[in-house]
């Protein structure tokens, strides 16, 4: 597994990650909120959205086919019960500028980081013991959902193609039951979803201990 990169706005946060292993995971809901005065916020984060064309066709149990112009099918993971740690697979000046982050911690041994996280998760009785990690899927609206719509652990890694430049990877944890099959919110939506604003979300904080042997600080 190659290096992953955590962009940070403050040097103190970078030092806390390197020297104390402080990992702040945000609820998935927080990524759907507006941040930085409206610069950040993706209302579709952690949602599978399907719109095969200008008209969405829905087949009822009776066999009747209903046509819905301008609609899309959405399956959303339980945003308050799933916690996400976002990193990138790329180290670039462009990403540092986009994230307003003059500091970036390179984690050179992600496998060891994940091992530390697993050890801490075992001590948290309210958390699901399964840890998911990997690259974000930048998904087209035309992609057929197949079974993915029912799998929260897949949906938590889905984002719009508009964000593909970020080369994002994620480490995902959840409360017990958060990843149960079909534990999702299903909707038929029309129009463009807007990111919410103004709600505070409690992070999940892990303190993994000294990570200096596997980390390097970069400044921009």
N, C-alpha and C. Protein backbone atom coordinates (compact mmCIF):
# COMPACT_ATOMS: atom_id res chain seq x y z
N UNK A 1 0.85 -1.19 0.00
CA UNK A 1 0.00 0.00 0.00
C UNK A 1 0.89 1.24 0.00
N UNK A 2 0.66 2.16 -0.95
CA UNK A 2 1.49 3.35 -1.07
C UNK A 2 1.07 4.42 -0.07
N UNK A 3 1.85 5.49 -0.02
CA UNK A 3 1.58 6.58 0.93
C UNK A 3 0.21 7.20 0.68
N UNK A 4 -0.38 7.71 1.77
CA UNK A 4 -1.58 8.53 1.69
C UNK A 4 -1.27 9.86 2.35
N UNK A 5 -2.05 10.89 2.03
CA UNK A 5 -1.70 12.24 2.43
C UNK A 5 -2.89 12.93 3.09
N UNK A 6 -2.63 13.48 4.29
CA UNK A 6 -3.65 14.21 5.03
C UNK A 6 -3.33 15.70 4.99
N UNK A 7 -4.18 16.48 4.31
CA UNK A 7 -3.99 17.92 4.22
C UNK A 7 -4.62 18.58 5.44
N UNK A 8 -3.90 19.55 6.03
CA UNK A 8 -4.35 20.19 7.27
C UNK A 8 -4.12 21.69 7.19
N UNK A 9 -5.04 22.43 7.80
CA UNK A 9 -4.96 23.89 7.75
C UNK A 9 -4.02 24.46 8.80
N UNK A 10 -3.77 23.72 9.88
CA UNK A 10 -2.94 24.23 10.97
C UNK A 10 -1.80 23.26 11.29
N UNK A 11 -0.64 23.83 11.56
CA UNK A 11 0.53 22.99 11.87
C UNK A 11 0.31 22.20 13.16
N UNK A 12 -0.41 22.79 14.12
CA UNK A 12 -0.66 22.10 15.38
C UNK A 12 -1.41 20.79 15.16
N UNK A 13 -2.32 20.79 14.20
CA UNK A 13 -3.07 19.57 13.90
C UNK A 13 -2.18 18.52 13.26
N UNK A 14 -1.24 18.98 12.42
CA UNK A 14 -0.29 18.06 11.80
C UNK A 14 0.61 17.43 12.86
N UNK A 15 1.06 18.24 13.80
CA UNK A 15 1.92 17.74 14.88
C UNK A 15 1.15 16.75 15.75
N UNK A 16 -0.10 17.04 16.02
CA UNK A 16 -0.92 16.14 16.83
C UNK A 16 -1.09 14.78 16.15
N UNK A 17 -1.23 14.80 14.83
CA UNK A 17 -1.33 13.54 14.09
C UNK A 17 -0.02 12.76 14.15
N UNK A 18 1.09 13.43 13.95
CA UNK A 18 2.38 12.76 13.90
C UNK A 18 2.83 12.28 15.28
N UNK A 19 2.75 13.15 16.28
CA UNK A 19 3.33 12.85 17.59
C UNK A 19 2.39 12.09 18.52
N UNK A 20 1.07 12.29 18.34
CA UNK A 20 0.11 11.64 19.25
C UNK A 20 -0.89 10.73 18.53
N UNK A 21 -0.80 10.72 17.22
CA UNK A 21 -1.71 9.87 16.46
C UNK A 21 -3.17 10.29 16.58
N UNK A 22 -3.43 11.58 16.64
CA UNK A 22 -4.81 12.06 16.76
C UNK A 22 -5.51 12.00 15.40
N UNK A 23 -6.51 11.16 15.34
CA UNK A 23 -7.29 10.96 14.13
C UNK A 23 -8.71 11.47 14.40
N UNK A 24 -9.14 12.48 13.67
CA UNK A 24 -10.48 13.04 13.83
C UNK A 24 -11.33 12.57 12.67
N UNK A 25 -12.30 11.71 12.97
CA UNK A 25 -13.22 11.24 11.94
C UNK A 25 -14.53 12.02 12.07
N UNK A 26 -15.00 12.56 10.97
CA UNK A 26 -16.25 13.32 10.98
C UNK A 26 -17.42 12.42 10.58
N UNK A 27 -18.61 12.68 11.14
CA UNK A 27 -19.79 11.97 10.65
C UNK A 27 -19.98 12.30 9.16
N UNK A 28 -20.46 11.33 8.42
CA UNK A 28 -20.71 11.54 7.00
C UNK A 28 -21.59 12.76 6.76
N UNK A 29 -22.49 13.03 7.70
CA UNK A 29 -23.39 14.19 7.57
C UNK A 29 -22.61 15.50 7.48
N UNK A 30 -21.46 15.57 8.14
CA UNK A 30 -20.69 16.81 8.15
C UNK A 30 -20.18 17.16 6.76
N UNK A 31 -19.95 16.15 5.93
CA UNK A 31 -19.43 16.41 4.59
C UNK A 31 -20.53 16.91 3.65
N UNK A 32 -21.78 16.84 4.10
CA UNK A 32 -22.89 17.37 3.32
C UNK A 32 -23.23 18.80 3.73
N UNK A 33 -22.47 19.33 4.69
CA UNK A 33 -22.69 20.69 5.18
C UNK A 33 -21.77 21.66 4.45
N UNK A 34 -22.19 22.90 4.37
CA UNK A 34 -21.34 23.95 3.82
C UNK A 34 -20.24 24.30 4.82
N UNK A 35 -19.00 24.45 4.30
CA UNK A 35 -17.86 24.83 5.13
C UNK A 35 -17.11 25.97 4.46
N UNK A 36 -16.24 26.60 5.22
CA UNK A 36 -15.36 27.65 4.70
C UNK A 36 -16.16 28.73 3.95
N UNK A 37 -17.24 29.18 4.58
CA UNK A 37 -18.02 30.25 3.99
C UNK A 37 -18.71 29.86 2.69
N UNK A 38 -19.00 28.57 2.55
CA UNK A 38 -19.71 28.10 1.36
C UNK A 38 -18.83 27.52 0.29
N UNK A 39 -17.51 27.47 0.53
CA UNK A 39 -16.58 26.94 -0.47
C UNK A 39 -16.69 25.42 -0.55
N UNK A 40 -16.82 24.77 0.61
CA UNK A 40 -16.90 23.31 0.64
C UNK A 40 -18.30 22.86 1.02
N UNK A 41 -18.61 21.63 0.67
CA UNK A 41 -19.89 21.05 1.00
C UNK A 41 -20.46 20.32 -0.19
N UNK A 42 -20.69 19.02 -0.06
CA UNK A 42 -21.19 18.19 -1.15
C UNK A 42 -22.46 17.49 -0.67
N UNK A 43 -23.60 17.99 -1.10
CA UNK A 43 -24.89 17.46 -0.63
C UNK A 43 -25.08 16.00 -1.02
N UNK A 44 -24.35 15.53 -2.03
CA UNK A 44 -24.51 14.15 -2.49
C UNK A 44 -23.46 13.20 -1.93
N UNK A 45 -22.62 13.68 -1.01
CA UNK A 45 -21.58 12.83 -0.43
C UNK A 45 -22.21 11.65 0.31
N UNK A 46 -21.72 10.44 0.04
CA UNK A 46 -22.26 9.26 0.70
C UNK A 46 -23.65 8.90 0.22
N UNK A 47 -23.94 9.25 -1.04
CA UNK A 47 -25.22 8.90 -1.64
C UNK A 47 -24.99 8.23 -2.99
N UNK A 48 -25.72 7.17 -3.23
CA UNK A 48 -25.76 6.58 -4.56
C UNK A 48 -26.91 7.24 -5.30
N UNK A 49 -26.60 7.84 -6.44
CA UNK A 49 -27.63 8.51 -7.23
C UNK A 49 -27.67 7.90 -8.63
N UNK A 50 -28.88 7.65 -9.09
CA UNK A 50 -29.05 6.99 -10.39
C UNK A 50 -30.05 7.78 -11.23
N UNK A 51 -29.58 8.27 -12.37
CA UNK A 51 -30.42 8.98 -13.33
C UNK A 51 -29.94 8.58 -14.73
N UNK A 52 -30.54 7.54 -15.30
CA UNK A 52 -30.06 7.01 -16.58
C UNK A 52 -30.30 7.93 -17.77
N UNK A 53 -31.10 8.97 -17.58
CA UNK A 53 -31.40 9.90 -18.66
C UNK A 53 -32.37 10.95 -18.17
N UNK A 54 -32.96 11.70 -19.08
CA UNK A 54 -33.91 12.76 -18.67
C UNK A 54 -35.18 12.22 -18.03
N UNK A 55 -35.47 10.92 -18.26
CA UNK A 55 -36.67 10.32 -17.69
C UNK A 55 -36.28 9.08 -16.90
N UNK A 56 -36.67 9.04 -15.63
CA UNK A 56 -36.44 7.87 -14.78
C UNK A 56 -37.67 6.98 -14.83
N UNK A 57 -37.47 5.70 -15.14
CA UNK A 57 -38.58 4.76 -15.19
C UNK A 57 -38.58 3.88 -13.95
N UNK A 58 -39.72 3.80 -13.29
CA UNK A 58 -39.89 2.99 -12.09
C UNK A 58 -40.94 1.92 -12.37
N UNK A 59 -40.60 0.67 -12.07
CA UNK A 59 -41.56 -0.42 -12.25
C UNK A 59 -42.15 -0.79 -10.90
N UNK A 60 -43.46 -0.64 -10.78
CA UNK A 60 -44.16 -0.99 -9.55
C UNK A 60 -44.27 -2.51 -9.40
N UNK A 61 -44.62 -2.96 -8.19
CA UNK A 61 -44.79 -4.38 -7.95
C UNK A 61 -45.85 -4.98 -8.86
N UNK A 62 -46.81 -4.18 -9.25
CA UNK A 62 -47.88 -4.64 -10.13
C UNK A 62 -47.42 -4.84 -11.57
N UNK A 63 -46.20 -4.34 -11.85
CA UNK A 63 -45.70 -4.41 -13.22
C UNK A 63 -45.89 -3.12 -13.99
N UNK A 64 -46.66 -2.20 -13.44
CA UNK A 64 -46.87 -0.91 -14.11
C UNK A 64 -45.57 -0.11 -14.13
N UNK A 65 -45.26 0.47 -15.28
CA UNK A 65 -44.07 1.29 -15.45
C UNK A 65 -44.47 2.76 -15.37
N UNK A 66 -43.82 3.49 -14.48
CA UNK A 66 -44.11 4.92 -14.29
C UNK A 66 -42.90 5.72 -14.77
N UNK A 67 -43.14 6.73 -15.57
CA UNK A 67 -42.07 7.59 -16.07
C UNK A 67 -42.04 8.90 -15.27
N UNK A 68 -40.85 9.25 -14.79
CA UNK A 68 -40.69 10.44 -13.95
C UNK A 68 -39.65 11.37 -14.59
N UNK A 69 -40.06 12.33 -15.39
CA UNK A 69 -39.11 13.26 -16.02
C UNK A 69 -38.37 14.09 -14.97
N UNK A 70 -37.04 14.16 -15.12
CA UNK A 70 -36.23 15.00 -14.25
C UNK A 70 -35.93 14.45 -12.88
N UNK A 71 -36.32 13.20 -12.61
CA UNK A 71 -36.10 12.60 -11.30
C UNK A 71 -34.87 11.69 -11.30
N UNK A 72 -34.36 11.45 -10.10
CA UNK A 72 -33.28 10.49 -9.90
C UNK A 72 -33.59 9.63 -8.67
N UNK A 73 -33.09 8.43 -8.68
CA UNK A 73 -33.21 7.53 -7.53
C UNK A 73 -31.99 7.74 -6.64
N UNK A 74 -32.23 7.88 -5.33
CA UNK A 74 -31.13 8.11 -4.38
C UNK A 74 -31.21 7.13 -3.22
N UNK A 75 -30.07 6.54 -2.90
CA UNK A 75 -29.93 5.70 -1.71
C UNK A 75 -28.82 6.30 -0.87
N UNK A 76 -29.16 6.72 0.35
CA UNK A 76 -28.21 7.43 1.21
C UNK A 76 -27.87 6.62 2.45
N UNK A 77 -26.57 6.54 2.75
CA UNK A 77 -26.14 5.89 3.99
C UNK A 77 -26.57 6.73 5.18
N UNK A 78 -26.68 6.10 6.35
CA UNK A 78 -27.08 6.81 7.57
C UNK A 78 -25.95 7.77 7.99
N UNK A 79 -26.13 9.03 7.66
CA UNK A 79 -25.04 9.99 7.72
C UNK A 79 -24.56 10.32 9.12
N UNK A 80 -25.40 10.14 10.14
CA UNK A 80 -24.98 10.44 11.51
C UNK A 80 -24.30 9.25 12.18
N UNK A 81 -24.39 8.08 11.59
CA UNK A 81 -23.88 6.86 12.22
C UNK A 81 -22.59 6.35 11.61
N UNK A 82 -22.12 7.01 10.57
CA UNK A 82 -20.91 6.58 9.86
C UNK A 82 -19.88 7.69 9.95
N UNK A 83 -18.65 7.34 10.32
CA UNK A 83 -17.57 8.31 10.53
C UNK A 83 -16.48 8.10 9.48
N UNK A 84 -15.97 9.23 8.97
CA UNK A 84 -15.07 9.19 7.82
C UNK A 84 -13.79 9.98 8.11
N UNK A 85 -12.66 9.37 7.74
CA UNK A 85 -11.37 10.07 7.77
C UNK A 85 -10.90 10.19 6.33
N UNK A 86 -10.80 11.42 5.84
CA UNK A 86 -10.48 11.68 4.45
C UNK A 86 -8.99 11.97 4.26
N UNK A 87 -8.41 11.31 3.30
CA UNK A 87 -7.03 11.57 2.90
C UNK A 87 -7.01 11.57 1.37
N UNK A 88 -5.83 11.80 0.81
CA UNK A 88 -5.69 11.79 -0.64
C UNK A 88 -4.57 10.84 -1.04
N UNK A 89 -4.64 10.35 -2.26
CA UNK A 89 -3.56 9.53 -2.79
C UNK A 89 -2.51 10.36 -3.49
N UNK A 90 -2.68 11.71 -3.48
CA UNK A 90 -1.78 12.60 -4.21
C UNK A 90 -1.24 13.71 -3.32
N UNK A 91 0.00 14.07 -3.55
CA UNK A 91 0.64 15.20 -2.87
C UNK A 91 0.93 16.26 -3.92
N UNK A 92 0.12 17.33 -3.93
CA UNK A 92 0.28 18.38 -4.95
C UNK A 92 0.03 19.75 -4.35
N UNK A 93 0.67 20.74 -4.93
CA UNK A 93 0.45 22.13 -4.52
C UNK A 93 -0.98 22.55 -4.83
N UNK A 94 -1.54 22.02 -5.90
CA UNK A 94 -2.89 22.38 -6.30
C UNK A 94 -3.92 21.95 -5.25
N UNK A 95 -3.76 20.74 -4.72
CA UNK A 95 -4.69 20.28 -3.69
C UNK A 95 -4.51 21.07 -2.39
N UNK A 96 -3.25 21.35 -2.05
CA UNK A 96 -3.00 22.15 -0.84
C UNK A 96 -3.69 23.51 -0.95
N UNK A 97 -3.63 24.11 -2.13
CA UNK A 97 -4.27 25.41 -2.34
C UNK A 97 -5.79 25.28 -2.29
N UNK A 98 -6.33 24.24 -2.91
CA UNK A 98 -7.78 24.04 -2.92
C UNK A 98 -8.34 23.84 -1.52
N UNK A 99 -7.59 23.08 -0.70
CA UNK A 99 -8.03 22.80 0.67
C UNK A 99 -7.64 23.89 1.65
N UNK A 100 -6.97 24.95 1.17
CA UNK A 100 -6.47 26.00 2.06
C UNK A 100 -5.63 25.37 3.18
N UNK A 101 -4.76 24.43 2.78
CA UNK A 101 -4.00 23.63 3.75
C UNK A 101 -2.51 23.70 3.44
N UNK A 102 -1.78 24.57 4.13
CA UNK A 102 -0.34 24.68 3.88
C UNK A 102 0.48 23.54 4.48
N UNK A 103 -0.19 22.62 5.18
CA UNK A 103 0.51 21.49 5.80
C UNK A 103 -0.10 20.18 5.33
N UNK A 104 0.75 19.21 5.10
CA UNK A 104 0.27 17.89 4.67
C UNK A 104 1.14 16.82 5.32
N UNK A 105 0.49 15.87 5.97
CA UNK A 105 1.20 14.76 6.59
C UNK A 105 1.16 13.57 5.64
N UNK A 106 2.32 13.12 5.25
CA UNK A 106 2.42 11.90 4.45
C UNK A 106 2.47 10.70 5.39
N UNK A 107 1.52 9.80 5.25
CA UNK A 107 1.48 8.56 6.03
C UNK A 107 2.06 7.47 5.15
N UNK A 108 3.28 7.07 5.45
CA UNK A 108 4.04 6.19 4.56
C UNK A 108 3.70 4.72 4.71
N UNK A 109 3.05 4.37 5.80
CA UNK A 109 2.69 2.97 6.03
C UNK A 109 1.22 2.90 6.46
N UNK A 110 0.30 3.02 5.50
CA UNK A 110 -1.13 2.98 5.84
C UNK A 110 -1.55 1.68 6.52
N UNK A 111 -0.88 0.60 6.22
CA UNK A 111 -1.22 -0.69 6.83
C UNK A 111 -1.02 -0.63 8.34
N UNK A 112 0.09 -0.03 8.76
CA UNK A 112 0.34 0.10 10.20
C UNK A 112 -0.67 1.04 10.84
N UNK A 113 -1.03 2.11 10.14
CA UNK A 113 -2.06 3.03 10.65
C UNK A 113 -3.37 2.28 10.86
N UNK A 114 -3.79 1.49 9.89
CA UNK A 114 -5.03 0.74 10.01
C UNK A 114 -4.97 -0.27 11.15
N UNK A 115 -3.81 -0.86 11.37
CA UNK A 115 -3.65 -1.80 12.49
C UNK A 115 -3.86 -1.09 13.82
N UNK A 116 -3.32 0.12 13.95
CA UNK A 116 -3.52 0.90 15.18
C UNK A 116 -5.00 1.23 15.37
N UNK A 117 -5.64 1.61 14.29
CA UNK A 117 -7.06 1.96 14.38
C UNK A 117 -7.88 0.75 14.81
N UNK A 118 -7.59 -0.41 14.24
CA UNK A 118 -8.32 -1.63 14.62
C UNK A 118 -8.19 -1.92 16.11
N UNK A 119 -7.00 -1.73 16.63
CA UNK A 119 -6.77 -1.98 18.06
C UNK A 119 -7.64 -1.08 18.92
N UNK A 120 -7.79 0.18 18.50
CA UNK A 120 -8.59 1.12 19.29
C UNK A 120 -10.08 0.88 19.11
N UNK A 121 -10.48 0.47 17.93
CA UNK A 121 -11.90 0.22 17.68
C UNK A 121 -12.39 -0.95 18.52
N UNK A 122 -11.53 -1.94 18.75
CA UNK A 122 -11.91 -3.10 19.58
C UNK A 122 -12.31 -2.68 20.98
N UNK A 123 -11.80 -1.54 21.43
CA UNK A 123 -12.09 -1.07 22.79
C UNK A 123 -13.37 -0.23 22.84
N UNK A 124 -13.96 0.05 21.71
CA UNK A 124 -15.15 0.90 21.65
C UNK A 124 -16.38 0.02 21.44
N UNK A 125 -17.12 -0.21 22.49
CA UNK A 125 -18.24 -1.15 22.44
C UNK A 125 -19.38 -0.66 21.54
N UNK A 126 -19.47 0.64 21.30
CA UNK A 126 -20.56 1.17 20.50
C UNK A 126 -20.26 1.19 19.01
N UNK A 127 -19.03 0.81 18.63
CA UNK A 127 -18.64 0.84 17.23
C UNK A 127 -18.70 -0.54 16.60
N UNK A 128 -19.05 -0.56 15.32
CA UNK A 128 -18.93 -1.77 14.53
C UNK A 128 -17.44 -2.12 14.44
N UNK A 129 -17.12 -3.40 14.55
CA UNK A 129 -15.71 -3.80 14.56
C UNK A 129 -15.08 -3.80 13.17
N UNK A 130 -15.89 -3.69 12.14
CA UNK A 130 -15.37 -3.70 10.77
C UNK A 130 -14.89 -2.31 10.38
N UNK A 131 -13.70 -2.24 9.79
CA UNK A 131 -13.15 -0.99 9.28
C UNK A 131 -13.07 -1.10 7.76
N UNK A 132 -13.57 -0.08 7.09
CA UNK A 132 -13.51 -0.06 5.63
C UNK A 132 -12.53 1.02 5.18
N UNK A 133 -11.78 0.74 4.14
CA UNK A 133 -10.81 1.72 3.65
C UNK A 133 -10.59 1.51 2.16
N UNK A 134 -10.22 2.58 1.50
CA UNK A 134 -9.96 2.48 0.07
C UNK A 134 -10.24 3.79 -0.64
N UNK A 135 -10.15 3.74 -1.96
CA UNK A 135 -10.34 4.94 -2.78
C UNK A 135 -11.82 5.26 -2.94
N UNK A 136 -12.11 6.54 -3.02
CA UNK A 136 -13.46 7.00 -3.30
C UNK A 136 -13.82 6.65 -4.74
N UNK A 137 -15.07 6.25 -4.96
CA UNK A 137 -15.57 5.99 -6.31
C UNK A 137 -16.29 7.24 -6.80
N UNK A 138 -15.76 7.83 -7.87
CA UNK A 138 -16.39 9.00 -8.47
C UNK A 138 -17.35 8.48 -9.53
N UNK A 139 -18.62 8.47 -9.18
CA UNK A 139 -19.62 7.69 -9.89
C UNK A 139 -20.48 8.54 -10.82
N UNK A 140 -20.70 8.03 -12.03
CA UNK A 140 -21.58 8.68 -12.98
C UNK A 140 -23.04 8.41 -12.60
N UNK A 141 -23.90 9.38 -12.88
CA UNK A 141 -25.32 9.23 -12.58
C UNK A 141 -25.95 8.09 -13.39
N UNK A 142 -25.34 7.75 -14.52
CA UNK A 142 -25.89 6.72 -15.39
C UNK A 142 -25.53 5.31 -14.94
N UNK A 143 -24.64 5.18 -13.94
CA UNK A 143 -24.19 3.86 -13.51
C UNK A 143 -25.34 3.10 -12.84
N UNK A 144 -25.62 1.90 -13.33
CA UNK A 144 -26.72 1.10 -12.79
C UNK A 144 -26.38 0.66 -11.36
N UNK A 145 -27.28 0.85 -10.39
CA UNK A 145 -26.98 0.56 -8.99
C UNK A 145 -26.71 -0.90 -8.67
N UNK A 146 -27.34 -1.82 -9.42
CA UNK A 146 -27.26 -3.26 -9.12
C UNK A 146 -27.60 -3.45 -7.64
N UNK A 147 -26.67 -4.04 -6.84
CA UNK A 147 -26.93 -4.26 -5.41
C UNK A 147 -26.33 -3.17 -4.54
N UNK A 148 -25.53 -2.29 -5.13
CA UNK A 148 -24.82 -1.27 -4.34
C UNK A 148 -25.76 -0.40 -3.51
N UNK A 149 -26.98 -0.17 -4.00
CA UNK A 149 -27.91 0.71 -3.30
C UNK A 149 -28.21 0.24 -1.88
N UNK A 150 -28.02 -1.08 -1.61
CA UNK A 150 -28.37 -1.66 -0.31
C UNK A 150 -27.19 -1.79 0.63
N UNK A 151 -26.00 -1.36 0.20
CA UNK A 151 -24.77 -1.59 0.97
C UNK A 151 -24.19 -0.27 1.47
N UNK A 152 -24.44 0.09 2.73
CA UNK A 152 -23.93 1.36 3.25
C UNK A 152 -22.42 1.50 3.16
N UNK A 153 -21.69 0.40 3.32
CA UNK A 153 -20.23 0.48 3.27
C UNK A 153 -19.73 0.81 1.87
N UNK A 154 -20.51 0.55 0.84
CA UNK A 154 -20.15 0.95 -0.52
C UNK A 154 -20.55 2.41 -0.75
N UNK A 155 -21.74 2.75 -0.29
CA UNK A 155 -22.26 4.10 -0.53
C UNK A 155 -21.40 5.16 0.15
N UNK A 156 -20.79 4.83 1.30
CA UNK A 156 -19.96 5.79 2.03
C UNK A 156 -18.72 6.22 1.25
N UNK A 157 -18.40 5.49 0.18
CA UNK A 157 -17.23 5.80 -0.64
C UNK A 157 -17.62 6.45 -1.97
N UNK A 158 -18.86 6.88 -2.12
CA UNK A 158 -19.33 7.42 -3.39
C UNK A 158 -19.39 8.94 -3.38
N UNK A 159 -18.86 9.53 -4.47
CA UNK A 159 -18.95 10.98 -4.65
C UNK A 159 -19.17 11.28 -6.13
N UNK A 160 -19.56 12.51 -6.39
CA UNK A 160 -19.77 12.97 -7.76
C UNK A 160 -18.45 13.02 -8.52
N UNK A 161 -18.54 12.86 -9.83
CA UNK A 161 -17.35 12.97 -10.69
C UNK A 161 -16.69 14.34 -10.59
N UNK A 162 -17.43 15.33 -10.15
CA UNK A 162 -16.90 16.69 -10.04
C UNK A 162 -15.70 16.78 -9.10
N UNK A 163 -15.55 15.79 -8.21
CA UNK A 163 -14.50 15.83 -7.20
C UNK A 163 -13.34 14.88 -7.51
N UNK A 164 -13.32 14.30 -8.69
CA UNK A 164 -12.32 13.28 -9.02
C UNK A 164 -10.88 13.78 -8.90
N UNK A 165 -10.68 15.08 -9.12
CA UNK A 165 -9.33 15.66 -9.05
C UNK A 165 -8.70 15.50 -7.67
N UNK A 166 -9.53 15.28 -6.63
CA UNK A 166 -9.02 15.20 -5.27
C UNK A 166 -8.37 13.85 -4.96
N UNK A 167 -8.59 12.85 -5.81
CA UNK A 167 -7.97 11.53 -5.63
C UNK A 167 -8.12 11.07 -4.18
N UNK A 168 -9.36 11.14 -3.69
CA UNK A 168 -9.61 10.90 -2.27
C UNK A 168 -9.63 9.42 -1.90
N UNK A 169 -9.08 9.14 -0.72
CA UNK A 169 -9.20 7.82 -0.09
C UNK A 169 -9.87 8.04 1.27
N UNK A 170 -10.49 6.99 1.79
CA UNK A 170 -11.21 7.13 3.05
C UNK A 170 -10.96 5.94 3.96
N UNK A 171 -11.00 6.25 5.26
CA UNK A 171 -11.10 5.23 6.29
C UNK A 171 -12.46 5.44 6.95
N UNK A 172 -13.26 4.40 7.00
CA UNK A 172 -14.66 4.54 7.40
C UNK A 172 -14.99 3.59 8.55
N UNK A 173 -15.54 4.17 9.61
CA UNK A 173 -16.02 3.42 10.77
C UNK A 173 -17.50 3.72 10.96
N UNK A 174 -18.16 2.89 11.75
CA UNK A 174 -19.58 3.14 11.98
C UNK A 174 -20.03 2.65 13.34
N UNK A 175 -21.15 3.20 13.79
CA UNK A 175 -21.78 2.67 14.98
C UNK A 175 -22.31 1.27 14.69
N UNK A 176 -22.54 0.50 15.73
CA UNK A 176 -23.05 -0.84 15.53
C UNK A 176 -24.35 -0.80 14.74
N UNK A 177 -24.42 -1.64 13.72
CA UNK A 177 -25.60 -1.70 12.88
C UNK A 177 -25.60 -0.75 11.71
N UNK A 178 -24.64 0.17 11.67
CA UNK A 178 -24.63 1.19 10.61
C UNK A 178 -24.46 0.58 9.23
N UNK A 179 -23.76 -0.56 9.15
CA UNK A 179 -23.47 -1.16 7.85
C UNK A 179 -24.38 -2.35 7.52
N UNK A 180 -25.48 -2.48 8.24
CA UNK A 180 -26.43 -3.55 7.95
C UNK A 180 -26.99 -3.37 6.55
N UNK A 181 -27.20 -4.48 5.85
CA UNK A 181 -27.75 -4.44 4.50
C UNK A 181 -29.11 -3.74 4.50
N UNK A 182 -29.29 -2.83 3.57
CA UNK A 182 -30.51 -2.03 3.39
C UNK A 182 -30.75 -1.02 4.51
N UNK A 183 -29.73 -0.74 5.32
CA UNK A 183 -29.85 0.33 6.32
C UNK A 183 -29.54 1.66 5.65
N UNK A 184 -30.44 2.07 4.75
CA UNK A 184 -30.25 3.25 3.92
C UNK A 184 -31.58 4.01 3.83
N UNK A 185 -31.50 5.25 3.40
CA UNK A 185 -32.68 6.07 3.15
C UNK A 185 -32.88 6.17 1.64
N UNK A 186 -34.05 5.74 1.17
CA UNK A 186 -34.35 5.74 -0.26
C UNK A 186 -35.29 6.88 -0.61
N UNK A 187 -34.98 7.56 -1.72
CA UNK A 187 -35.82 8.68 -2.14
C UNK A 187 -35.83 8.79 -3.66
N UNK A 188 -36.89 9.41 -4.17
CA UNK A 188 -36.93 9.89 -5.54
C UNK A 188 -36.82 11.40 -5.47
N UNK A 189 -35.80 11.95 -6.12
CA UNK A 189 -35.51 13.38 -5.99
C UNK A 189 -35.53 14.06 -7.35
N UNK A 190 -35.89 15.32 -7.35
CA UNK A 190 -35.86 16.15 -8.55
C UNK A 190 -35.07 17.41 -8.25
N UNK A 191 -34.49 18.00 -9.28
CA UNK A 191 -33.73 19.23 -9.09
C UNK A 191 -32.34 18.96 -8.54
N UNK A 192 -31.67 20.02 -8.15
CA UNK A 192 -30.30 19.93 -7.63
C UNK A 192 -30.31 20.04 -6.11
N UNK A 193 -29.69 19.06 -5.46
CA UNK A 193 -29.63 19.08 -3.99
C UNK A 193 -28.64 20.15 -3.53
N UNK A 194 -28.98 20.81 -2.44
CA UNK A 194 -28.10 21.84 -1.87
C UNK A 194 -27.53 21.37 -0.55
N UNK A 195 -26.26 21.69 -0.30
CA UNK A 195 -25.63 21.35 0.97
C UNK A 195 -26.31 22.12 2.10
N UNK A 196 -26.51 21.44 3.22
CA UNK A 196 -27.12 22.08 4.39
C UNK A 196 -26.10 22.97 5.09
N UNK A 197 -26.58 23.78 6.02
CA UNK A 197 -25.69 24.67 6.76
C UNK A 197 -26.10 24.72 8.23
N UNK A 198 -25.11 25.07 9.06
CA UNK A 198 -25.43 25.48 10.42
C UNK A 198 -25.55 24.40 11.48
N UNK A 199 -25.37 23.14 11.16
CA UNK A 199 -25.53 22.10 12.16
C UNK A 199 -24.16 21.60 12.64
N UNK A 200 -24.01 21.46 13.96
CA UNK A 200 -22.75 20.96 14.52
C UNK A 200 -22.79 19.43 14.56
N UNK A 201 -21.66 18.81 14.28
CA UNK A 201 -21.57 17.35 14.29
C UNK A 201 -20.40 16.93 15.17
N UNK A 202 -20.66 16.00 16.07
CA UNK A 202 -19.63 15.54 17.01
C UNK A 202 -18.69 14.57 16.30
N UNK A 203 -17.38 14.86 16.30
CA UNK A 203 -16.44 13.94 15.64
C UNK A 203 -16.13 12.72 16.51
N UNK A 204 -15.58 11.71 15.89
CA UNK A 204 -15.05 10.55 16.59
C UNK A 204 -13.53 10.74 16.62
N UNK A 205 -12.95 10.85 17.81
CA UNK A 205 -11.52 11.12 17.95
C UNK A 205 -10.81 9.87 18.48
N UNK A 206 -9.80 9.44 17.74
CA UNK A 206 -8.95 8.32 18.16
C UNK A 206 -7.56 8.86 18.44
N UNK A 207 -6.94 8.38 19.51
CA UNK A 207 -5.56 8.75 19.82
C UNK A 207 -4.72 7.49 19.77
N UNK A 208 -3.94 7.37 18.69
CA UNK A 208 -3.26 6.12 18.36
C UNK A 208 -1.84 6.04 18.89
N UNK A 209 -1.35 7.13 19.47
CA UNK A 209 0.03 7.13 19.93
C UNK A 209 0.99 7.64 18.86
N UNK A 210 2.24 7.68 19.18
CA UNK A 210 3.29 8.25 18.31
C UNK A 210 3.31 7.56 16.93
N UNK A 211 3.15 8.38 15.88
CA UNK A 211 3.19 7.85 14.50
C UNK A 211 4.38 8.42 13.73
N UNK A 212 5.33 8.99 14.44
CA UNK A 212 6.42 9.70 13.76
C UNK A 212 7.26 8.79 12.87
N UNK A 213 7.29 7.50 13.17
CA UNK A 213 8.09 6.58 12.35
C UNK A 213 7.48 6.34 10.97
N UNK A 214 6.19 6.61 10.84
CA UNK A 214 5.55 6.34 9.55
C UNK A 214 5.02 7.61 8.91
N UNK A 215 5.33 8.77 9.49
CA UNK A 215 4.81 10.03 8.97
C UNK A 215 5.92 11.01 8.61
N UNK A 216 5.61 11.87 7.66
CA UNK A 216 6.51 12.97 7.28
C UNK A 216 5.67 14.22 7.00
N UNK A 217 6.10 15.36 7.53
CA UNK A 217 5.37 16.59 7.35
C UNK A 217 5.89 17.35 6.13
N UNK A 218 4.96 17.77 5.26
CA UNK A 218 5.29 18.61 4.10
C UNK A 218 4.66 19.98 4.28
N UNK A 219 5.35 21.00 3.88
CA UNK A 219 4.84 22.37 3.98
C UNK A 219 4.76 22.98 2.59
N UNK A 220 3.74 23.80 2.38
CA UNK A 220 3.57 24.47 1.09
C UNK A 220 3.62 25.98 1.26
